[in-house]
Amino acid sequence: MYNLFKDQADAMGKSQWVEKMGGQTALAVQLFRTDGAQLKDAFKEVGAIATTAGVDLAEQFAVIGTLSSTMEGGDAGGMYKALFENIGAGSEKLGMKFTDQNGKLLPMLDILDKLQGKLGDLTTAAAGTALTDA
């Protein structure tokens, strides 16, 4: 994990970063009924792509934790990574923008709100098809 978040860890101090990482890991395990091994596998699969896109560590834990509660950690990480790999083409196809003025990815809840505003209930088959096509 240090290698993925080296800049952040060095900026805030390694011991303080380790405390933050430990706390967020424990919270994710509790909230999402996952475990450290699942989270490790997910973060390993995602790599640095989320951090490079400007996504905060806490949000990464929330997304990965949510996904890890319904699938294996590596699969959860792969799904999250696929979002970053495909969001540019998907946003063009949907005619939407998912980045801020600095080119950083919007928070996941903002993206979901935008998608819901355009597609309606995201749990419907029609929305699922539109998202898969995008």
N, C-alpha and C. Protein backbone atom coordinates (compact mmCIF):
# COMPACT_ATOMS: atom_id res chain seq x y z
N MET A 1 0.83 -1.19 0.00
CA MET A 1 0.00 0.00 0.00
C MET A 1 0.87 1.26 0.00
N TYR A 2 1.99 1.16 0.70
CA TYR A 2 2.88 2.33 0.74
C TYR A 2 3.31 2.73 -0.67
N ASN A 3 3.63 1.75 -1.50
CA ASN A 3 4.07 2.07 -2.86
C ASN A 3 2.98 2.77 -3.67
N LEU A 4 1.72 2.43 -3.40
CA LEU A 4 0.61 3.07 -4.11
C LEU A 4 0.37 4.50 -3.64
N PHE A 5 0.64 4.74 -2.36
CA PHE A 5 0.33 6.04 -1.76
C PHE A 5 1.58 6.73 -1.22
N LYS A 6 2.71 6.47 -1.83
CA LYS A 6 4.00 6.97 -1.35
C LYS A 6 4.01 8.48 -1.16
N ASP A 7 3.54 9.22 -2.14
CA ASP A 7 3.56 10.69 -2.05
C ASP A 7 2.76 11.17 -0.85
N GLN A 8 1.57 10.62 -0.68
CA GLN A 8 0.72 11.01 0.44
C GLN A 8 1.38 10.62 1.77
N ALA A 9 1.91 9.41 1.83
CA ALA A 9 2.54 8.92 3.06
C ALA A 9 3.74 9.77 3.43
N ASP A 10 4.57 10.10 2.45
CA ASP A 10 5.75 10.91 2.72
C ASP A 10 5.37 12.34 3.12
N ALA A 11 4.32 12.86 2.51
CA ALA A 11 3.89 14.23 2.82
C ALA A 11 3.35 14.35 4.23
N MET A 12 2.60 13.36 4.69
CA MET A 12 2.01 13.47 6.02
C MET A 12 2.85 12.81 7.09
N GLY A 13 3.87 12.09 6.70
CA GLY A 13 4.70 11.36 7.66
C GLY A 13 4.26 9.91 7.69
N LYS A 14 5.23 9.03 7.58
CA LYS A 14 4.90 7.60 7.46
C LYS A 14 4.12 7.06 8.64
N SER A 15 4.50 7.42 9.85
CA SER A 15 3.79 6.85 11.00
C SER A 15 2.35 7.36 11.06
N GLN A 16 2.15 8.62 10.75
CA GLN A 16 0.80 9.17 10.74
C GLN A 16 -0.02 8.52 9.61
N TRP A 17 0.62 8.28 8.46
CA TRP A 17 -0.06 7.64 7.34
C TRP A 17 -0.45 6.21 7.70
N VAL A 18 0.45 5.48 8.37
CA VAL A 18 0.15 4.11 8.78
C VAL A 18 -1.05 4.09 9.73
N GLU A 19 -1.11 5.03 10.65
CA GLU A 19 -2.26 5.10 11.57
C GLU A 19 -3.55 5.36 10.79
N LYS A 20 -3.49 6.27 9.84
CA LYS A 20 -4.67 6.58 9.03
C LYS A 20 -5.08 5.35 8.21
N MET A 21 -4.11 4.70 7.60
CA MET A 21 -4.39 3.52 6.79
C MET A 21 -5.00 2.41 7.64
N GLY A 22 -4.43 2.19 8.82
CA GLY A 22 -4.96 1.17 9.72
C GLY A 22 -6.38 1.46 10.15
N GLY A 23 -6.64 2.71 10.47
CA GLY A 23 -7.99 3.11 10.88
C GLY A 23 -9.00 2.95 9.76
N GLN A 24 -8.61 3.35 8.56
CA GLN A 24 -9.53 3.23 7.43
C GLN A 24 -9.76 1.76 7.05
N THR A 25 -8.72 0.96 7.18
CA THR A 25 -8.87 -0.48 6.90
C THR A 25 -9.84 -1.10 7.90
N ALA A 26 -9.65 -0.80 9.17
CA ALA A 26 -10.53 -1.35 10.21
C ALA A 26 -11.97 -0.91 9.99
N LEU A 27 -12.17 0.34 9.64
CA LEU A 27 -13.52 0.85 9.41
C LEU A 27 -14.15 0.17 8.20
N ALA A 28 -13.38 0.02 7.11
CA ALA A 28 -13.90 -0.65 5.92
C ALA A 28 -14.29 -2.09 6.22
N VAL A 29 -13.46 -2.78 6.97
CA VAL A 29 -13.76 -4.17 7.34
C VAL A 29 -15.07 -4.23 8.12
N GLN A 30 -15.25 -3.31 9.05
CA GLN A 30 -16.46 -3.29 9.87
C GLN A 30 -17.69 -2.91 9.05
N LEU A 31 -17.59 -1.85 8.26
CA LEU A 31 -18.75 -1.34 7.52
C LEU A 31 -19.20 -2.26 6.39
N PHE A 32 -18.23 -2.85 5.70
CA PHE A 32 -18.55 -3.59 4.49
C PHE A 32 -18.45 -5.10 4.63
N ARG A 33 -18.21 -5.56 5.86
CA ARG A 33 -18.13 -7.00 6.14
C ARG A 33 -17.17 -7.69 5.18
N THR A 34 -16.02 -7.10 5.05
CA THR A 34 -14.95 -7.66 4.24
C THR A 34 -13.78 -7.94 5.16
N ASP A 35 -12.61 -8.18 4.63
CA ASP A 35 -11.45 -8.39 5.48
C ASP A 35 -10.22 -7.78 4.83
N GLY A 36 -9.15 -7.73 5.61
CA GLY A 36 -7.93 -7.10 5.14
C GLY A 36 -7.37 -7.75 3.88
N ALA A 37 -7.47 -9.07 3.77
CA ALA A 37 -6.96 -9.77 2.59
C ALA A 37 -7.75 -9.38 1.34
N GLN A 38 -9.07 -9.26 1.47
CA GLN A 38 -9.89 -8.85 0.34
C GLN A 38 -9.53 -7.43 -0.10
N LEU A 39 -9.36 -6.55 0.87
CA LEU A 39 -9.00 -5.17 0.56
C LEU A 39 -7.63 -5.10 -0.09
N LYS A 40 -6.68 -5.88 0.42
CA LYS A 40 -5.34 -5.91 -0.15
C LYS A 40 -5.40 -6.35 -1.60
N ASP A 41 -6.14 -7.42 -1.88
CA ASP A 41 -6.26 -7.91 -3.25
C ASP A 41 -6.90 -6.87 -4.16
N ALA A 42 -7.90 -6.17 -3.65
CA ALA A 42 -8.57 -5.15 -4.45
C ALA A 42 -7.63 -3.98 -4.76
N PHE A 43 -6.93 -3.48 -3.74
CA PHE A 43 -6.01 -2.37 -3.97
C PHE A 43 -4.86 -2.79 -4.89
N LYS A 44 -4.42 -4.03 -4.78
CA LYS A 44 -3.36 -4.52 -5.66
C LYS A 44 -3.84 -4.50 -7.11
N GLU A 45 -5.08 -4.90 -7.33
CA GLU A 45 -5.64 -4.91 -8.69
C GLU A 45 -5.83 -3.50 -9.24
N VAL A 46 -6.31 -2.59 -8.41
CA VAL A 46 -6.54 -1.21 -8.84
C VAL A 46 -5.22 -0.51 -9.14
N GLY A 47 -4.22 -0.79 -8.32
CA GLY A 47 -2.94 -0.12 -8.51
C GLY A 47 -3.07 1.36 -8.20
N ALA A 48 -2.32 2.17 -8.91
CA ALA A 48 -2.27 3.61 -8.66
C ALA A 48 -3.26 4.41 -9.51
N ILE A 49 -4.07 3.72 -10.33
CA ILE A 49 -4.92 4.44 -11.27
C ILE A 49 -5.92 5.38 -10.59
N ALA A 50 -6.49 4.96 -9.46
CA ALA A 50 -7.45 5.81 -8.76
C ALA A 50 -6.76 7.02 -8.15
N THR A 51 -5.61 6.80 -7.55
CA THR A 51 -4.85 7.90 -6.96
C THR A 51 -4.42 8.89 -8.03
N THR A 52 -3.97 8.38 -9.16
CA THR A 52 -3.56 9.24 -10.28
C THR A 52 -4.73 10.07 -10.77
N ALA A 53 -5.94 9.51 -10.71
CA ALA A 53 -7.14 10.24 -11.13
C ALA A 53 -7.59 11.26 -10.09
N GLY A 54 -6.91 11.29 -8.94
CA GLY A 54 -7.23 12.28 -7.92
C GLY A 54 -8.24 11.81 -6.89
N VAL A 55 -8.49 10.51 -6.80
CA VAL A 55 -9.47 10.00 -5.86
C VAL A 55 -8.81 9.85 -4.49
N ASP A 56 -9.44 10.42 -3.49
CA ASP A 56 -8.96 10.37 -2.11
C ASP A 56 -8.96 8.94 -1.59
N LEU A 57 -8.03 8.64 -0.72
CA LEU A 57 -7.91 7.30 -0.15
C LEU A 57 -9.20 6.84 0.53
N ALA A 58 -9.84 7.72 1.26
CA ALA A 58 -11.09 7.33 1.95
C ALA A 58 -12.16 6.92 0.95
N GLU A 59 -12.26 7.62 -0.16
CA GLU A 59 -13.25 7.25 -1.18
C GLU A 59 -12.88 5.92 -1.83
N GLN A 60 -11.59 5.70 -2.05
CA GLN A 60 -11.17 4.42 -2.61
C GLN A 60 -11.57 3.27 -1.68
N PHE A 61 -11.36 3.47 -0.38
CA PHE A 61 -11.77 2.45 0.60
C PHE A 61 -13.28 2.22 0.53
N ALA A 62 -14.06 3.29 0.41
CA ALA A 62 -15.51 3.16 0.37
C ALA A 62 -15.97 2.40 -0.87
N VAL A 63 -15.43 2.73 -2.01
CA VAL A 63 -15.84 2.04 -3.24
C VAL A 63 -15.38 0.59 -3.22
N ILE A 64 -14.11 0.38 -2.90
CA ILE A 64 -13.58 -0.98 -2.87
C ILE A 64 -14.28 -1.81 -1.78
N GLY A 65 -14.55 -1.20 -0.64
CA GLY A 65 -15.26 -1.91 0.42
C GLY A 65 -16.66 -2.30 0.00
N THR A 66 -17.35 -1.40 -0.66
CA THR A 66 -18.70 -1.70 -1.15
C THR A 66 -18.68 -2.85 -2.14
N LEU A 67 -17.76 -2.78 -3.09
CA LEU A 67 -17.66 -3.85 -4.08
C LEU A 67 -17.22 -5.17 -3.44
N SER A 68 -16.30 -5.09 -2.49
CA SER A 68 -15.78 -6.29 -1.84
C SER A 68 -16.82 -7.00 -0.98
N SER A 69 -17.89 -6.30 -0.64
CA SER A 69 -18.93 -6.94 0.16
C SER A 69 -19.78 -7.88 -0.68
N THR A 70 -19.67 -7.80 -2.00
CA THR A 70 -20.48 -8.66 -2.87
C THR A 70 -19.65 -9.52 -3.83
N MET A 71 -18.33 -9.34 -3.83
CA MET A 71 -17.47 -10.13 -4.72
C MET A 71 -16.08 -10.24 -4.12
N GLU A 72 -15.27 -11.10 -4.68
CA GLU A 72 -13.90 -11.27 -4.21
C GLU A 72 -13.11 -9.98 -4.39
N GLY A 73 -12.10 -9.77 -3.54
CA GLY A 73 -11.33 -8.54 -3.57
C GLY A 73 -10.69 -8.22 -4.90
N GLY A 74 -10.05 -9.22 -5.53
CA GLY A 74 -9.42 -8.99 -6.83
C GLY A 74 -10.43 -8.58 -7.89
N ASP A 75 -11.61 -9.21 -7.85
CA ASP A 75 -12.67 -8.86 -8.79
C ASP A 75 -13.17 -7.43 -8.54
N ALA A 76 -13.31 -7.09 -7.26
CA ALA A 76 -13.75 -5.73 -6.90
C ALA A 76 -12.75 -4.70 -7.41
N GLY A 77 -11.47 -4.98 -7.20
CA GLY A 77 -10.44 -4.08 -7.70
C GLY A 77 -10.44 -3.98 -9.21
N GLY A 78 -10.67 -5.11 -9.87
CA GLY A 78 -10.73 -5.12 -11.33
C GLY A 78 -11.89 -4.29 -11.86
N MET A 79 -13.04 -4.37 -11.18
CA MET A 79 -14.20 -3.58 -11.60
C MET A 79 -13.93 -2.09 -11.42
N TYR A 80 -13.31 -1.75 -10.29
CA TYR A 80 -13.00 -0.34 -10.02
C TYR A 80 -11.98 0.17 -11.03
N LYS A 81 -10.98 -0.63 -11.32
CA LYS A 81 -9.97 -0.25 -12.31
C LYS A 81 -10.61 -0.05 -13.69
N ALA A 82 -11.54 -0.92 -14.05
CA ALA A 82 -12.23 -0.81 -15.34
C ALA A 82 -12.97 0.52 -15.46
N LEU A 83 -13.50 1.01 -14.35
CA LEU A 83 -14.16 2.32 -14.38
C LEU A 83 -13.20 3.39 -14.89
N PHE A 84 -12.00 3.41 -14.34
CA PHE A 84 -11.03 4.42 -14.73
C PHE A 84 -10.56 4.24 -16.16
N GLU A 85 -10.44 3.00 -16.58
CA GLU A 85 -9.98 2.73 -17.94
C GLU A 85 -11.03 3.07 -18.99
N ASN A 86 -12.30 3.08 -18.60
CA ASN A 86 -13.37 3.27 -19.57
C ASN A 86 -14.19 4.54 -19.39
N ILE A 87 -13.89 5.32 -18.37
CA ILE A 87 -14.75 6.46 -18.07
C ILE A 87 -14.70 7.55 -19.15
N GLY A 88 -13.55 7.69 -19.79
CA GLY A 88 -13.46 8.70 -20.86
C GLY A 88 -14.39 8.38 -22.01
N ALA A 89 -14.31 7.16 -22.53
CA ALA A 89 -15.17 6.74 -23.63
C ALA A 89 -16.64 6.72 -23.19
N GLY A 90 -16.88 6.26 -21.97
CA GLY A 90 -18.24 6.22 -21.46
C GLY A 90 -18.87 7.59 -21.33
N SER A 91 -18.07 8.54 -20.86
CA SER A 91 -18.62 9.90 -20.70
C SER A 91 -18.95 10.51 -22.05
N GLU A 92 -18.12 10.23 -23.05
CA GLU A 92 -18.42 10.73 -24.40
C GLU A 92 -19.70 10.11 -24.93
N LYS A 93 -19.83 8.81 -24.78
CA LYS A 93 -21.01 8.11 -25.29
C LYS A 93 -22.28 8.59 -24.60
N LEU A 94 -22.19 8.88 -23.31
CA LEU A 94 -23.35 9.36 -22.57
C LEU A 94 -23.55 10.86 -22.71
N GLY A 95 -22.56 11.56 -23.26
CA GLY A 95 -22.65 13.02 -23.37
C GLY A 95 -22.57 13.71 -22.03
N MET A 96 -21.76 13.16 -21.13
CA MET A 96 -21.63 13.70 -19.79
C MET A 96 -20.17 13.91 -19.45
N LYS A 97 -19.93 14.76 -18.47
CA LYS A 97 -18.57 15.02 -18.00
C LYS A 97 -18.45 14.56 -16.56
N PHE A 98 -17.43 13.72 -16.28
CA PHE A 98 -17.24 13.18 -14.95
C PHE A 98 -15.96 13.68 -14.28
N THR A 99 -15.43 14.77 -14.78
CA THR A 99 -14.23 15.35 -14.19
C THR A 99 -14.50 16.80 -13.80
N ASP A 100 -13.70 17.30 -12.87
CA ASP A 100 -13.83 18.69 -12.45
C ASP A 100 -13.04 19.59 -13.39
N GLN A 101 -12.95 20.87 -13.06
CA GLN A 101 -12.25 21.83 -13.90
C GLN A 101 -10.75 21.57 -13.98
N ASN A 102 -10.22 20.79 -13.04
CA ASN A 102 -8.80 20.46 -13.04
C ASN A 102 -8.52 19.10 -13.70
N GLY A 103 -9.56 18.47 -14.23
CA GLY A 103 -9.39 17.19 -14.90
C GLY A 103 -9.38 16.00 -13.95
N LYS A 104 -9.67 16.23 -12.68
CA LYS A 104 -9.71 15.14 -11.70
C LYS A 104 -11.11 14.53 -11.69
N LEU A 105 -11.16 13.24 -11.49
CA LEU A 105 -12.44 12.53 -11.44
C LEU A 105 -13.31 13.07 -10.31
N LEU A 106 -14.58 13.24 -10.61
CA LEU A 106 -15.53 13.68 -9.58
C LEU A 106 -15.67 12.59 -8.53
N PRO A 107 -16.10 12.94 -7.32
CA PRO A 107 -16.39 11.91 -6.32
C PRO A 107 -17.46 10.94 -6.84
N MET A 108 -17.37 9.69 -6.42
CA MET A 108 -18.27 8.65 -6.91
C MET A 108 -19.74 9.02 -6.71
N LEU A 109 -20.09 9.60 -5.56
CA LEU A 109 -21.49 9.96 -5.33
C LEU A 109 -21.96 11.01 -6.33
N ASP A 110 -21.09 11.93 -6.72
CA ASP A 110 -21.45 12.93 -7.73
C ASP A 110 -21.66 12.28 -9.09
N ILE A 111 -20.80 11.32 -9.42
CA ILE A 111 -20.96 10.60 -10.68
C ILE A 111 -22.28 9.84 -10.69
N LEU A 112 -22.57 9.15 -9.60
CA LEU A 112 -23.83 8.41 -9.51
C LEU A 112 -25.04 9.33 -9.60
N ASP A 113 -24.97 10.50 -8.96
CA ASP A 113 -26.06 11.48 -9.05
C ASP A 113 -26.26 11.95 -10.48
N LYS A 114 -25.16 12.23 -11.18
CA LYS A 114 -25.27 12.66 -12.58
C LYS A 114 -25.89 11.57 -13.45
N LEU A 115 -25.45 10.34 -13.23
CA LEU A 115 -25.98 9.23 -14.00
C LEU A 115 -27.47 9.02 -13.71
N GLN A 116 -27.84 9.12 -12.43
CA GLN A 116 -29.23 8.96 -12.07
C GLN A 116 -30.08 10.08 -12.67
N GLY A 117 -29.54 11.29 -12.71
CA GLY A 117 -30.26 12.40 -13.32
C GLY A 117 -30.53 12.18 -14.80
N LYS A 118 -29.62 11.52 -15.46
CA LYS A 118 -29.78 11.27 -16.89
C LYS A 118 -30.55 9.99 -17.18
N LEU A 119 -30.27 8.92 -16.42
CA LEU A 119 -30.82 7.60 -16.72
C LEU A 119 -31.97 7.18 -15.82
N GLY A 120 -32.21 7.94 -14.76
CA GLY A 120 -33.24 7.54 -13.80
C GLY A 120 -32.71 6.48 -12.86
N ASP A 121 -33.57 5.60 -12.42
CA ASP A 121 -33.22 4.55 -11.48
C ASP A 121 -32.12 3.67 -12.09
N LEU A 122 -30.96 3.67 -11.45
CA LEU A 122 -29.80 2.96 -12.00
C LEU A 122 -29.89 1.45 -11.82
N THR A 123 -30.91 0.97 -11.11
CA THR A 123 -31.05 -0.47 -10.91
C THR A 123 -31.92 -1.12 -11.99
N THR A 124 -32.47 -0.33 -12.90
CA THR A 124 -33.32 -0.90 -13.95
C THR A 124 -32.47 -1.54 -15.05
N ALA A 125 -33.10 -2.42 -15.79
CA ALA A 125 -32.42 -3.08 -16.91
C ALA A 125 -32.01 -2.07 -17.97
N ALA A 126 -32.86 -1.09 -18.23
CA ALA A 126 -32.55 -0.09 -19.25
C ALA A 126 -31.31 0.72 -18.87
N ALA A 127 -31.23 1.13 -17.60
CA ALA A 127 -30.05 1.88 -17.15
C ALA A 127 -28.81 0.99 -17.20
N GLY A 128 -28.96 -0.25 -16.81
CA GLY A 128 -27.84 -1.18 -16.85
C GLY A 128 -27.32 -1.37 -18.26
N THR A 129 -28.24 -1.47 -19.22
CA THR A 129 -27.84 -1.62 -20.62
C THR A 129 -27.13 -0.37 -21.11
N ALA A 130 -27.65 0.79 -20.77
CA ALA A 130 -27.02 2.06 -21.19
C ALA A 130 -25.62 2.18 -20.60
N LEU A 131 -25.47 1.83 -19.34
CA LEU A 131 -24.16 1.90 -18.70
C LEU A 131 -23.19 0.89 -19.28
N THR A 132 -23.66 -0.31 -19.56
CA THR A 132 -22.81 -1.33 -20.16
C THR A 132 -22.38 -0.90 -21.56
N ASP A 133 -23.28 -0.34 -22.33
CA ASP A 133 -22.95 0.13 -23.68
C ASP A 133 -21.92 1.26 -23.63
N ALA A 134 -22.09 2.14 -22.65
CA ALA A 134 -21.16 3.27 -22.51
C ALA A 134 -19.81 2.78 -22.05
